[in-house]
Amino acid sequence: MSTEAVFTNGRIITADAEFTGTVVVRDGRIAVLSDSRARMPEAIDLDGDYLLPGFVELHTDNLEKHFAPRPGVVWPSVPALIAHDTQIAAAGITTVFDSLALGDVRGETDRVRNRERMVEAICSAVERRLPRVDHRMHLRCEIVANDAVDAVDRWIDLPLVGLISINDHTPGQRQFLDPEKLRLYHTKKYGMTNDEFEVFQTEALTLHAKNAVRHRSEIVSRAQARALPIASHDDATSEHVREAVQNGMTIAEFPTTREAAHASHEAGLAVLVGAPNLVLGGSHSGNIAAIDLVRAGQVDILSSDYVPASLIEGVFRLPAAAGISLPEAVKLASLNPAHVVSLNDRGEIAVGKRADLMRVRTVGDAPVVRSVWCEGERVV
């Protein structure tokens, strides 16, 4: 049986325009797009609120918080996944690539201990159609970990895997080029003493020398053989970007310097930056501010990273902060990430596309997600 919903009197945000009008949804797809107002009584009156496409999130660590809400706490798997899914949906994200850390430079951390449980929970919940939104998996491959390749071989062929990234969090390699900021970050965040940090750094550098080059090559080869998109992570130099291009990567996640962002943009990589960086006005690691890269025209994708709500907040800040239109800002969180992972059925309000939609009202300067639909079904 055919189902239909009509949304009218809303400020419709398409890929290249903003207008007040009507969207008709049939059987989970957008069927009609009009700049006139519908008069039928069953139409949903948006009362002047925005109607945006659902966001597509390529990199979020948010799931980890629900599996280990405190150090050493083990939360039940499926309830943890559903709690994460609820938070994602409420942020207007209708397609999410849950990031799973295959290794950690700090060793056997909670994220490593929980990775198998997270994979199983995602697969089980999706199979039973429990989540509100569309979940995929992003395998974050920490190339210094001894079992990095074994972990990839274990999970890379799961149907939900849609993105691979190459990570190297060895101290001094990419994320922190300033040795003092590196030391402060680890001693404050992880409670290390200076002596403990020195031991950690020495051990990490030893692992890097042993594993990094070989693991990078083997994991990239496996991703290429399956035609999976590959992302670099925390590139800091033009040389890092050249290596990414040679590896066939198409996404540059969180470049840490202007040099790397510019080189990635020039090389045709889709540059992804963090919305928390944008909202807070800078990087917590002391790296390049995302807003500067947006203003320079060198950003293609926004990611909520570790705060799901940062995505809608960042999008609505950009017109005033960066001088771009709201449709241009919305594309950074919807159409652009969808295209780069070949999900060409979503990411914009256009006839024939999935009816992944959100209703947003601005209260002062704050955007409030009021309702969300995934394939035409209301989920928030």
Protein backbone atom coordinates (compact mmCIF):
# COMPACT_ATOMS: atom_id res chain seq x y z
CA MET A 1 0.00 0.00 0.00
CA SER A 2 1.34 3.42 -0.97
CA THR A 3 2.06 5.89 1.83
CA GLU A 4 2.19 9.64 1.43
CA ALA A 5 3.11 12.63 3.60
CA VAL A 6 2.97 16.30 2.71
CA PHE A 7 5.16 18.92 4.38
CA THR A 8 4.19 22.52 3.68
CA ASN A 9 4.80 26.10 4.80
CA GLY A 10 8.45 25.30 5.53
CA ARG A 11 11.73 26.93 4.56
CA ILE A 12 13.04 24.22 2.26
CA ILE A 13 16.81 23.86 1.97
CA THR A 14 17.88 22.13 -1.24
CA ALA A 15 21.44 21.66 -2.48
CA ASP A 16 21.49 25.12 -4.06
CA ALA A 17 18.46 27.08 -2.88
CA GLU A 18 16.28 28.14 0.04
CA PHE A 19 12.57 28.83 -0.45
CA THR A 20 9.24 28.52 1.30
CA GLY A 21 7.22 25.68 -0.12
CA THR A 22 6.05 22.07 -0.03
CA VAL A 23 7.64 18.61 -0.14
CA VAL A 24 5.56 15.53 -0.93
CA VAL A 25 6.87 12.13 0.15
CA ARG A 26 5.62 8.84 -1.27
CA ASP A 27 6.84 5.43 -0.16
CA GLY A 28 9.93 6.82 1.52
CA ARG A 29 11.06 8.94 -1.43
CA ILE A 30 10.66 12.60 -2.29
CA ALA A 31 8.02 12.75 -5.02
CA VAL A 32 7.21 16.45 -5.40
CA LEU A 33 9.08 19.66 -4.61
CA SER A 34 7.15 22.91 -4.96
CA ASP A 35 7.45 26.58 -4.01
CA SER A 36 3.70 26.80 -3.37
CA ARG A 37 1.71 26.00 -0.24
CA ALA A 38 -0.41 22.84 0.01
CA ARG A 39 -4.00 23.34 1.18
CA MET A 40 -5.09 19.80 2.01
CA PRO A 41 -6.00 19.34 5.70
CA GLU A 42 -3.71 16.33 6.20
CA ALA A 43 -0.59 18.29 5.23
CA ILE A 44 1.98 18.83 8.00
CA ASP A 45 2.23 22.59 8.53
CA LEU A 46 5.86 23.37 9.33
CA ASP A 47 4.86 26.83 10.52
CA GLY A 48 7.88 28.47 8.89
CA ASP A 49 10.45 26.06 10.34
CA TYR A 50 13.34 24.84 8.20
CA LEU A 51 13.14 21.50 6.39
CA LEU A 52 16.65 20.11 5.86
CA PRO A 53 17.97 16.84 4.47
CA GLY A 54 19.07 14.39 7.13
CA PHE A 55 22.79 14.61 7.86
CA VAL A 56 25.30 11.96 6.82
CA GLU A 57 27.95 11.39 9.50
CA LEU A 58 31.18 9.69 8.40
CA HIS A 59 33.21 9.77 11.61
CA THR A 60 31.79 9.64 15.12
CA ASP A 61 33.30 8.11 18.25
CA ASN A 62 30.05 8.65 20.15
CA LEU A 63 29.24 4.94 20.37
CA GLU A 64 32.30 4.36 22.56
CA LYS A 65 30.89 6.59 25.32
CA HIS A 66 27.80 4.41 25.65
CA PHE A 67 29.75 1.16 25.86
CA ALA A 68 32.13 2.57 28.48
CA PRO A 69 30.36 5.51 30.16
CA ARG A 70 33.14 5.53 32.77
CA PRO A 71 36.58 3.88 32.79
CA GLY A 72 36.17 0.19 33.48
CA VAL A 73 32.35 0.25 33.21
CA VAL A 74 30.91 -2.31 30.79
CA TRP A 75 27.43 -1.29 29.64
CA PRO A 76 25.09 -3.86 27.99
CA SER A 77 25.72 -3.93 24.25
CA VAL A 78 22.39 -3.48 22.47
CA PRO A 79 21.06 -0.93 25.00
CA ALA A 80 24.32 1.00 24.52
CA LEU A 81 23.86 0.96 20.73
CA ILE A 82 20.23 2.10 21.01
CA ALA A 83 21.14 4.93 23.38
CA HIS A 84 23.75 6.09 20.87
CA ASP A 85 21.27 5.75 18.01
CA THR A 86 18.72 7.87 19.90
CA GLN A 87 21.27 10.63 20.40
CA ILE A 88 22.33 10.48 16.74
CA ALA A 89 18.74 10.67 15.48
CA ALA A 90 17.92 13.59 17.78
CA ALA A 91 20.85 15.49 16.24
CA GLY A 92 19.30 15.18 12.75
CA ILE A 93 21.76 12.52 11.58
CA THR A 94 19.94 9.92 9.48
CA THR A 95 22.95 8.01 8.14
CA VAL A 96 25.84 7.31 10.51
CA PHE A 97 29.16 5.57 10.02
CA ASP A 98 29.99 4.35 13.51
CA SER A 99 33.76 4.60 13.99
CA LEU A 100 35.36 1.48 15.42
CA ALA A 101 38.96 1.70 16.59
CA LEU A 102 40.92 -1.31 15.42
CA GLY A 103 43.76 -0.77 17.85
CA ASP A 104 44.95 2.03 20.10
CA VAL A 105 48.43 3.45 20.42
CA ARG A 106 47.92 3.30 24.20
CA GLY A 107 47.36 -0.45 24.13
CA GLU A 108 44.42 -2.42 25.57
CA THR A 109 42.05 0.49 26.25
CA ASP A 110 38.26 0.35 26.68
CA ARG A 111 37.74 1.12 22.99
CA VAL A 112 39.82 -1.92 22.03
CA ARG A 113 38.25 -4.19 24.65
CA ASN A 114 34.77 -3.18 23.48
CA ARG A 115 35.25 -3.27 19.71
CA GLU A 116 33.95 -6.82 19.23
CA ARG A 117 30.89 -6.03 21.35
CA MET A 118 30.28 -2.88 19.32
CA VAL A 119 30.49 -4.71 15.99
CA GLU A 120 28.12 -7.42 17.22
CA ALA A 121 25.66 -4.88 18.63
CA ILE A 122 25.50 -2.89 15.39
CA CYS A 123 24.99 -6.00 13.28
CA SER A 124 22.41 -7.47 15.65
CA ALA A 125 20.43 -4.23 16.03
CA VAL A 126 20.39 -3.55 12.29
CA GLU A 127 19.32 -7.10 11.50
CA ARG A 128 16.38 -6.70 13.92
CA ARG A 129 15.58 -3.21 12.57
CA LEU A 130 15.95 -1.65 16.01
CA PRO A 131 17.78 1.61 15.19
CA ARG A 132 15.96 4.77 14.20
CA VAL A 133 18.51 5.66 11.52
CA ASP A 134 20.76 3.95 8.96
CA HIS A 135 23.93 2.60 10.58
CA ARG A 136 27.14 1.71 8.70
CA MET A 137 30.65 0.95 9.99
CA HIS A 138 33.85 2.92 9.63
CA LEU A 139 36.92 0.85 10.50
CA ARG A 140 39.58 3.10 12.00
CA CYS A 141 42.79 1.17 11.51
CA GLU A 142 45.53 2.10 13.99
CA ILE A 143 48.50 0.95 11.96
CA VAL A 144 50.95 0.72 14.87
CA ALA A 145 48.85 -1.89 16.71
CA ASN A 146 50.28 -5.39 16.53
CA ASP A 147 46.89 -6.91 15.58
CA ALA A 148 45.77 -4.17 13.17
CA VAL A 149 45.79 -6.35 10.06
CA ASP A 150 44.22 -9.32 11.84
CA ALA A 151 41.38 -7.08 13.05
CA VAL A 152 40.82 -5.74 9.54
CA ASP A 153 40.71 -9.28 8.14
CA ARG A 154 38.15 -10.23 10.77
CA TRP A 155 35.63 -7.48 9.96
CA ILE A 156 36.33 -5.87 6.58
CA ASP A 157 33.91 -8.12 4.69
CA LEU A 158 30.90 -7.37 6.86
CA PRO A 159 28.15 -5.89 4.65
CA LEU A 160 27.81 -2.81 6.87
CA VAL A 161 31.46 -1.78 6.49
CA GLY A 162 31.53 1.26 4.20
CA LEU A 163 34.68 3.20 5.06
CA ILE A 164 38.29 2.51 6.05
CA SER A 165 40.64 5.06 7.56
CA ILE A 166 44.36 4.84 8.22
CA ASN A 167 45.26 6.19 11.67
CA ASP A 168 48.67 6.73 13.24
CA HIS A 169 48.47 8.30 16.69
CA THR A 170 52.14 7.72 17.49
CA PRO A 171 53.32 10.70 19.57
CA GLY A 172 54.82 13.38 17.33
CA GLN A 173 53.76 11.79 14.04
CA ARG A 174 50.64 13.74 13.05
CA GLN A 175 48.16 15.10 15.56
CA PHE A 176 50.63 16.93 17.79
CA LEU A 177 53.60 18.55 16.10
CA ASP A 178 54.35 20.64 19.21
CA PRO A 179 56.09 18.34 21.75
CA GLU A 180 54.90 20.39 24.72
CA LYS A 181 51.22 20.26 23.62
CA LEU A 182 51.65 16.53 23.10
CA ARG A 183 52.95 16.02 26.63
CA LEU A 184 50.26 18.22 28.20
CA TYR A 185 47.48 16.44 26.33
CA HIS A 186 48.50 12.98 27.54
CA THR A 187 49.32 13.99 31.09
CA LYS A 188 46.01 15.85 31.50
CA LYS A 189 43.62 13.59 29.58
CA TYR A 190 45.05 10.25 30.66
CA GLY A 191 46.51 11.22 34.04
CA MET A 192 50.06 10.22 33.08
CA THR A 193 53.03 11.51 35.04
CA ASN A 194 55.86 12.98 32.98
CA ASP A 195 57.87 9.79 33.54
CA GLU A 196 54.94 7.61 32.47
CA PHE A 197 54.52 9.71 29.36
CA GLU A 198 58.19 9.25 28.45
CA VAL A 199 57.84 5.47 28.77
CA PHE A 200 54.63 5.52 26.70
CA GLN A 201 56.26 7.63 23.99
CA THR A 202 59.29 5.34 23.74
CA GLU A 203 57.12 2.24 23.47
CA ALA A 204 54.85 3.86 20.88
CA LEU A 205 57.79 4.90 18.72
CA THR A 206 59.11 1.35 18.87
CA LEU A 207 55.76 -0.01 17.69
CA HIS A 208 55.67 2.59 14.92
CA ALA A 209 59.06 1.53 13.60
CA LYS A 210 58.01 -2.12 13.73
CA ASN A 211 54.52 -1.94 12.21
CA ALA A 212 53.47 1.31 10.56
CA VAL A 213 54.78 0.97 7.02
CA ARG A 214 53.88 -2.70 6.59
CA HIS A 215 50.42 -2.39 8.15
CA ARG A 216 49.56 0.67 6.10
CA SER A 217 50.43 -1.15 2.88
CA GLU A 218 48.53 -4.31 3.78
CA ILE A 219 45.37 -2.55 4.96
CA VAL A 220 45.26 -0.17 1.99
CA SER A 221 45.64 -3.17 -0.33
CA ARG A 222 42.70 -4.92 1.32
CA ALA A 223 40.48 -1.83 1.09
CA GLN A 224 41.37 -1.27 -2.57
CA ALA A 225 40.61 -4.88 -3.42
CA ARG A 226 37.07 -4.35 -2.10
CA ALA A 227 36.63 -0.89 -3.65
CA LEU A 228 36.06 0.61 -0.20
CA PRO A 229 36.65 4.35 0.19
CA ILE A 230 39.77 5.11 2.22
CA ALA A 231 40.46 8.15 4.39
CA SER A 232 43.71 9.55 5.70
CA HIS A 233 43.69 10.88 9.26
CA ASP A 234 45.40 13.86 10.92
CA ASP A 235 47.70 14.63 8.00
CA ALA A 236 50.13 17.39 8.93
CA THR A 237 52.47 17.82 5.95
CA SER A 238 52.42 17.83 2.16
CA GLU A 239 54.36 14.58 2.29
CA HIS A 240 51.55 12.97 4.28
CA VAL A 241 49.11 14.09 1.60
CA ARG A 242 51.29 12.74 -1.22
CA GLU A 243 51.33 9.38 0.56
CA ALA A 244 47.51 9.50 0.88
CA VAL A 245 47.16 10.17 -2.85
CA GLN A 246 49.52 7.32 -3.68
CA ASN A 247 47.38 5.04 -1.50
CA GLY A 248 44.25 5.98 -3.47
CA MET A 249 42.61 7.81 -0.59
CA THR A 250 39.68 10.11 -1.34
CA ILE A 251 39.01 11.69 2.09
CA ALA A 252 41.34 13.72 4.30
CA GLU A 253 40.05 13.50 7.87
CA PHE A 254 40.99 16.34 10.22
CA PRO A 255 44.14 17.75 8.58
CA THR A 256 46.05 19.36 11.43
CA THR A 257 47.77 22.18 9.52
CA ARG A 258 46.93 24.70 6.82
CA GLU A 259 49.67 23.12 4.69
CA ALA A 260 48.03 19.68 4.78
CA ALA A 261 44.52 21.04 4.22
CA HIS A 262 45.66 23.07 1.21
CA ALA A 263 47.59 20.14 -0.26
CA SER A 264 44.62 17.81 0.26
CA HIS A 265 42.23 20.25 -1.37
CA GLU A 266 44.56 20.77 -4.35
CA ALA A 267 44.94 16.99 -4.74
CA GLY A 268 41.17 16.54 -4.94
CA LEU A 269 40.70 14.83 -1.58
CA ALA A 270 37.48 15.67 0.26
CA VAL A 271 38.64 17.59 3.33
CA LEU A 272 36.71 16.66 6.49
CA VAL A 273 36.85 18.84 9.61
CA GLY A 274 35.27 18.57 13.03
CA ALA A 275 32.15 20.52 13.94
CA PRO A 276 33.27 20.69 17.62
CA ASN A 277 36.37 22.57 16.40
CA LEU A 278 34.03 24.92 14.54
CA VAL A 279 31.67 25.48 17.48
CA LEU A 280 34.48 26.00 19.98
CA GLY A 281 36.45 28.29 17.69
CA GLY A 282 39.51 26.07 17.51
CA SER A 283 41.06 22.65 18.01
CA HIS A 284 41.38 21.12 21.48
CA SER A 285 44.78 19.85 20.27
CA GLY A 286 46.01 23.29 19.21
CA ASN A 287 45.80 22.49 15.49
CA ILE A 288 44.35 24.59 12.65
CA ALA A 289 40.93 26.13 13.33
CA ALA A 290 38.20 24.63 11.15
CA ILE A 291 36.60 28.03 10.53
CA ASP A 292 39.80 29.27 8.88
CA LEU A 293 39.71 26.36 6.45
CA VAL A 294 36.02 26.93 5.66
CA ARG A 295 36.72 30.60 4.96
CA ALA A 296 39.56 29.54 2.66
CA GLY A 297 37.20 27.30 0.70
CA GLN A 298 39.14 24.17 1.67
CA VAL A 299 36.44 22.20 3.52
CA ASP A 300 34.11 19.68 1.89
CA ILE A 301 32.66 17.76 4.85
CA LEU A 302 31.71 18.44 8.46
CA SER A 303 31.78 15.68 11.08
CA SER A 304 30.34 15.71 14.58
CA ASP A 305 33.34 13.66 15.78
CA TYR A 306 32.63 13.30 19.50
CA VAL A 307 29.54 15.59 19.93
CA PRO A 308 26.56 14.63 17.73
CA ALA A 309 24.72 17.92 18.36
CA SER A 310 27.74 19.91 17.12
CA LEU A 311 26.79 19.18 13.51
CA ILE A 312 23.53 21.14 13.45
CA GLU A 313 25.10 23.86 15.61
CA GLY A 314 28.08 24.18 13.27
CA VAL A 315 25.98 24.26 10.10
CA PHE A 316 23.83 27.12 11.35
CA ARG A 317 26.88 29.10 12.52
CA LEU A 318 28.62 28.98 9.16
CA PRO A 319 26.58 31.56 7.18
CA ALA A 320 27.49 34.35 9.59
CA ALA A 321 30.94 33.04 10.52
CA ALA A 322 32.21 32.08 7.06
CA GLY A 323 30.04 34.08 4.66
CA ILE A 324 28.54 31.09 2.91
CA SER A 325 24.85 30.42 2.28
CA LEU A 326 22.82 28.05 4.43
CA PRO A 327 22.40 25.59 1.51
CA GLU A 328 26.20 25.56 1.09
CA ALA A 329 26.65 24.92 4.82
CA VAL A 330 24.04 22.13 4.83
CA LYS A 331 25.78 20.36 1.92
CA LEU A 332 28.90 19.97 4.08
CA ALA A 333 26.93 17.69 6.41
CA SER A 334 24.62 15.98 3.92
CA LEU A 335 25.19 15.82 0.17
CA ASN A 336 28.99 16.01 0.18
CA PRO A 337 29.61 13.18 2.67
CA ALA A 338 26.94 11.06 0.95
CA HIS A 339 28.66 11.45 -2.43
CA VAL A 340 32.16 10.68 -1.21
CA VAL A 341 31.03 7.25 0.05
CA SER A 342 28.82 6.68 -3.04
CA LEU A 343 25.48 6.92 -1.22
CA ASN A 344 23.91 8.76 -4.11
CA ASP A 345 20.32 8.10 -3.04
CA ARG A 346 20.40 10.60 -0.15
CA GLY A 347 21.87 13.81 1.21
CA GLU A 348 19.59 16.38 -0.42
CA ILE A 349 15.97 17.36 -0.80
CA ALA A 350 15.40 16.45 -4.44
CA VAL A 351 12.84 14.41 -6.33
CA GLY A 352 13.69 10.71 -6.25
CA LYS A 353 15.98 10.89 -3.21
CA ARG A 354 15.32 9.19 0.12
CA ALA A 355 13.00 11.15 2.36
CA ASP A 356 15.60 11.59 5.11
CA LEU A 357 14.47 14.91 6.55
CA MET A 358 14.59 17.06 9.65
CA ARG A 359 12.51 19.94 10.88
CA VAL A 360 14.57 22.68 12.55
CA ARG A 361 13.41 25.77 14.39
CA THR A 362 15.80 28.53 15.37
CA VAL A 363 15.34 29.95 18.87
CA GLY A 364 17.50 33.05 18.97
CA ASP A 365 20.76 31.81 17.51
CA ALA A 366 20.17 28.20 18.51
CA PRO A 367 18.93 25.63 15.96
CA VAL A 368 16.56 23.12 17.56
CA VAL A 369 15.84 19.80 15.83
CA ARG A 370 12.11 19.28 16.35
CA SER A 371 11.37 16.22 14.19
CA VAL A 372 13.31 13.74 12.06
CA TRP A 373 12.15 11.35 9.33
CA CYS A 374 14.18 8.45 7.91
CA GLU A 375 12.86 7.16 4.57
CA GLY A 376 9.64 9.02 5.28
CA GLU A 377 9.08 7.40 8.67
CA ARG A 378 9.16 9.73 11.65
CA VAL A 379 11.87 8.65 14.10
CA VAL A 380 12.08 11.74 16.37
